[in-house]
């Protein structure tokens, strides 16, 4: 059992992280803006605050042993042309502040949700996809993912950047495959439930430390 701090627990990927972590018996604390709006499983402690405020992170992190971050740079809708809602450097700034707090409080382990195409994975994307990203508002989120990637790699933490292929809301279907680029051809999608399970597995097993695996469902 691990005392976990989850950032982004109220989101579409964060919700299955809370569910799965609690089901596995971990002590889970989530930093959320509006606890009344979050349907968290029994036993999950909701701390009101925002990852945009380092003092809120400090408060939420006290007594925890590892961090799972599923923060994302949001847009007004899933439409790639939709206007960005989050500050341009939301994930990057939150990651830097979280790493600062972890250093202050002696927390070494952090697992973060990332995406294919972030950081050094950009060169592996199809040229048409890269052109589409640059022409749409997706470029804002990708730039933030790049900043997050750089900030985490520059830290002394035991980090894992888990890069998802396209996320789906389908139920967990497993199995999940993971590989660093160049060691296999990835699938097209991964369910949020299976992705959440992989994030928690990485904490439990101490796996993929200082690596950035790409993950996908082997079927479907």
Protein backbone atom coordinates (compact mmCIF):
# COMPACT_ATOMS: atom_id res chain seq x y z
CA UNK A 1 0.00 0.00 0.00
CA UNK A 2 1.28 3.44 -0.97
CA UNK A 3 0.16 6.91 0.05
CA UNK A 4 -0.54 8.48 -3.33
CA UNK A 5 -1.13 12.06 -4.37
CA UNK A 6 -3.13 12.30 -7.60
CA UNK A 7 -3.14 15.52 -9.62
CA UNK A 8 -5.89 15.83 -12.20
CA UNK A 9 -8.12 13.35 -10.40
CA UNK A 10 -11.35 15.07 -11.46
CA UNK A 11 -10.67 14.61 -15.19
CA UNK A 12 -11.63 11.89 -17.65
CA UNK A 13 -8.39 10.02 -17.05
CA UNK A 14 -8.06 10.98 -13.41
CA UNK A 15 -11.36 9.40 -12.43
CA UNK A 16 -10.29 5.85 -13.36
CA UNK A 17 -6.95 6.47 -11.62
CA UNK A 18 -8.80 7.23 -8.38
CA UNK A 19 -11.08 4.22 -8.84
CA UNK A 20 -8.27 1.77 -9.57
CA UNK A 21 -5.87 3.06 -6.92
CA UNK A 22 -8.56 2.86 -4.24
CA UNK A 23 -9.61 -0.61 -5.40
CA UNK A 24 -6.02 -1.80 -5.00
CA UNK A 25 -5.95 -0.60 -1.41
CA UNK A 26 -3.77 2.47 -1.73
CA UNK A 27 -4.26 5.52 0.45
CA UNK A 28 -5.26 8.13 -2.11
CA UNK A 29 -5.38 11.90 -1.86
CA UNK A 30 -6.49 14.08 -4.77
CA UNK A 31 -6.02 17.81 -5.20
CA UNK A 32 -9.16 19.15 -6.89
CA UNK A 33 -10.67 22.58 -7.39
CA UNK A 34 -14.20 21.62 -6.34
CA UNK A 35 -14.48 18.52 -4.13
CA UNK A 36 -18.29 18.69 -4.23
CA UNK A 37 -18.22 18.07 -7.98
CA UNK A 38 -16.02 14.96 -7.79
CA UNK A 39 -17.56 11.52 -7.36
CA UNK A 40 -14.59 9.86 -5.73
CA UNK A 41 -14.61 6.28 -4.42
CA UNK A 42 -14.85 5.67 -0.71
CA UNK A 43 -11.62 6.32 1.14
CA UNK A 44 -10.21 8.86 -1.34
CA UNK A 45 -9.36 12.11 0.42
CA UNK A 46 -10.20 15.20 -1.61
CA UNK A 47 -8.14 18.32 -0.92
CA UNK A 48 -9.51 21.58 -2.26
CA UNK A 49 -7.00 23.55 -4.28
CA UNK A 50 -5.31 23.83 -7.62
CA UNK A 51 -2.02 22.53 -9.04
CA UNK A 52 -1.50 26.07 -10.32
CA UNK A 53 -0.74 27.08 -6.70
CA UNK A 54 2.42 25.63 -5.17
CA UNK A 55 1.12 26.09 -1.61
CA UNK A 56 -1.91 23.95 -2.48
CA UNK A 57 0.45 21.26 -3.79
CA UNK A 58 2.47 21.50 -0.58
CA UNK A 59 -0.66 21.00 1.51
CA UNK A 60 -1.87 18.04 -0.55
CA UNK A 61 1.53 16.32 -0.71
CA UNK A 62 2.14 16.14 3.04
CA UNK A 63 2.61 12.54 4.12
CA UNK A 64 2.43 11.06 0.62
CA UNK A 65 5.04 8.77 -0.92
CA UNK A 66 4.45 9.06 -4.66
CA UNK A 67 2.68 11.31 -7.16
CA UNK A 68 0.57 10.41 -10.18
CA UNK A 69 -0.17 13.38 -12.44
CA UNK A 70 -2.81 13.18 -15.16
CA UNK A 71 -3.09 16.90 -15.69
CA UNK A 72 -3.85 18.08 -19.19
CA UNK A 73 -3.91 21.32 -21.14
CA UNK A 74 -7.64 21.68 -21.85
CA UNK A 75 -9.56 23.10 -24.80
CA UNK A 76 -13.19 24.24 -24.96
CA UNK A 77 -14.04 20.88 -26.60
CA UNK A 78 -12.33 17.86 -28.13
CA UNK A 79 -12.44 19.59 -31.50
CA UNK A 80 -8.80 20.23 -32.52
CA UNK A 81 -9.72 23.78 -33.52
CA UNK A 82 -11.34 24.56 -30.17
CA UNK A 83 -9.93 27.43 -28.14
CA UNK A 84 -7.45 26.48 -25.39
CA UNK A 85 -8.92 26.95 -21.92
CA UNK A 86 -5.91 26.30 -19.69
CA UNK A 87 -2.97 28.70 -19.45
CA UNK A 88 -0.45 27.88 -22.17
CA UNK A 89 2.14 26.50 -19.73
CA UNK A 90 -0.24 24.95 -17.22
CA UNK A 91 1.24 21.42 -17.21
CA UNK A 92 4.83 22.63 -17.34
CA UNK A 93 4.41 25.06 -14.44
CA UNK A 94 2.49 22.51 -12.37
CA UNK A 95 5.18 19.89 -12.97
CA UNK A 96 7.97 22.27 -11.92
CA UNK A 97 6.09 23.23 -8.76
CA UNK A 98 5.28 19.60 -7.98
CA UNK A 99 8.93 18.60 -8.39
CA UNK A 100 9.94 21.46 -6.09
CA UNK A 101 7.48 20.27 -3.43
CA UNK A 102 8.63 16.68 -3.84
CA UNK A 103 12.22 17.76 -3.20
CA UNK A 104 11.16 19.76 -0.14
CA UNK A 105 9.19 16.85 1.32
CA UNK A 106 11.51 14.00 0.40
CA UNK A 107 9.21 12.40 -2.20
CA UNK A 108 11.14 10.80 -5.03
CA UNK A 109 8.61 8.95 -7.22
CA UNK A 110 6.38 10.60 -9.82
CA UNK A 111 4.51 9.07 -12.75
CA UNK A 112 3.04 11.49 -15.29
CA UNK A 113 0.61 11.07 -18.17
CA UNK A 114 2.09 12.24 -21.44
CA UNK A 115 1.28 11.72 -25.11
CA UNK A 116 2.82 10.27 -28.22
CA UNK A 117 4.65 13.03 -30.06
CA UNK A 118 5.86 14.78 -26.91
CA UNK A 119 9.52 15.65 -26.56
CA UNK A 120 11.83 13.39 -28.53
CA UNK A 121 8.85 11.37 -29.79
CA UNK A 122 7.84 14.20 -32.16
CA UNK A 123 10.09 12.86 -34.92
CA UNK A 124 8.23 9.53 -34.86
CA UNK A 125 4.85 11.05 -35.75
CA UNK A 126 3.56 10.79 -39.28
CA UNK A 127 4.49 13.99 -41.21
CA UNK A 128 0.81 14.61 -41.97
CA UNK A 129 -0.01 14.39 -38.27
CA UNK A 130 2.77 16.83 -37.42
CA UNK A 131 1.44 19.27 -40.03
CA UNK A 132 -2.11 18.91 -38.67
CA UNK A 133 -0.96 19.60 -35.11
CA UNK A 134 0.95 22.70 -36.19
CA UNK A 135 -2.10 24.02 -38.07
CA UNK A 136 -4.60 23.43 -35.25
CA UNK A 137 -4.94 24.43 -31.61
CA UNK A 138 -3.47 21.06 -30.68
CA UNK A 139 -0.10 22.80 -31.00
CA UNK A 140 -0.68 24.60 -27.68
CA UNK A 141 -1.10 21.36 -25.77
CA UNK A 142 1.86 19.75 -27.51
CA UNK A 143 4.08 22.71 -26.65
CA UNK A 144 3.03 22.34 -23.02
CA UNK A 145 3.75 18.59 -23.12
CA UNK A 146 7.21 19.43 -24.48
CA UNK A 147 7.80 21.80 -21.57
CA UNK A 148 6.58 19.19 -19.10
CA UNK A 149 8.88 16.61 -20.68
CA UNK A 150 11.91 18.89 -20.39
CA UNK A 151 11.15 19.91 -16.80
CA UNK A 152 10.75 16.34 -15.62
CA UNK A 153 13.92 15.10 -17.35
CA UNK A 154 15.92 17.94 -15.76
CA UNK A 155 14.82 16.90 -12.27
CA UNK A 156 16.45 14.49 -9.87
CA UNK A 157 13.19 12.62 -9.28
CA UNK A 158 12.47 8.98 -10.10
CA UNK A 159 10.15 9.92 -12.93
CA UNK A 160 8.22 8.03 -15.58
CA UNK A 161 6.53 9.79 -18.50
CA UNK A 162 3.80 7.48 -19.78
CA UNK A 163 2.99 8.41 -23.37
CA UNK A 164 -0.49 7.40 -24.48
CA UNK A 165 -1.59 6.78 -28.02
CA UNK A 166 -5.17 8.00 -28.66
CA UNK A 167 -7.19 7.61 -25.46
CA UNK A 168 -10.66 6.07 -25.54
CA UNK A 169 -13.48 5.90 -23.01
CA UNK A 170 -14.09 2.19 -23.62
CA UNK A 171 -14.01 -0.18 -20.63
CA UNK A 172 -10.72 -1.80 -19.70
CA UNK A 173 -10.01 -4.52 -22.22
CA UNK A 174 -6.29 -5.26 -21.79
CA UNK A 175 -3.72 -6.40 -22.34
CA UNK A 176 -1.62 -3.24 -22.35
CA UNK A 177 1.65 -3.16 -24.23
CA UNK A 178 4.44 -0.70 -23.55
CA UNK A 179 7.69 0.06 -25.31
CA UNK A 180 10.08 2.86 -25.93
CA UNK A 181 10.08 4.00 -29.54
CA UNK A 182 11.99 1.86 -31.98
CA UNK A 183 11.23 -1.45 -30.29
CA UNK A 184 7.87 -2.23 -31.82
CA UNK A 185 4.90 -0.90 -33.76
CA UNK A 186 2.32 0.61 -31.39
CA UNK A 187 -1.41 0.12 -31.63
CA UNK A 188 -3.85 2.92 -32.29
CA UNK A 189 -5.64 3.33 -28.96
CA UNK A 190 -5.60 2.68 -25.24
CA UNK A 191 -8.61 2.88 -22.94
CA UNK A 192 -8.41 5.37 -20.11
CA UNK A 193 -9.12 2.57 -17.64
CA UNK A 194 -6.20 0.48 -18.91
CA UNK A 195 -3.98 3.57 -19.06
CA UNK A 196 -4.85 4.34 -15.43
CA UNK A 197 -3.92 0.81 -14.47
CA UNK A 198 -0.56 1.16 -16.17
CA UNK A 199 0.20 4.37 -14.28
CA UNK A 200 -0.51 2.65 -10.97
CA UNK A 201 1.47 -0.44 -12.02
CA UNK A 202 4.47 1.80 -12.66
CA UNK A 203 4.30 3.07 -9.08
CA UNK A 204 3.70 -0.34 -7.53
CA UNK A 205 6.46 -2.11 -9.46
CA UNK A 206 8.99 0.72 -9.58
CA UNK A 207 8.97 0.20 -13.33
CA UNK A 208 10.12 2.39 -16.21
CA UNK A 209 12.08 4.77 -13.97
CA UNK A 210 13.52 7.68 -16.00
CA UNK A 211 11.94 6.29 -19.15
CA UNK A 212 9.08 7.38 -21.41
CA UNK A 213 7.20 4.30 -22.62
CA UNK A 214 4.46 4.51 -25.22
CA UNK A 215 1.43 2.43 -24.18
CA UNK A 216 -1.44 0.92 -26.14
CA UNK A 217 -4.05 -1.84 -26.02
CA UNK A 218 -2.87 -4.99 -27.75
CA UNK A 219 -6.42 -5.64 -28.96
CA UNK A 220 -9.09 -3.38 -30.44
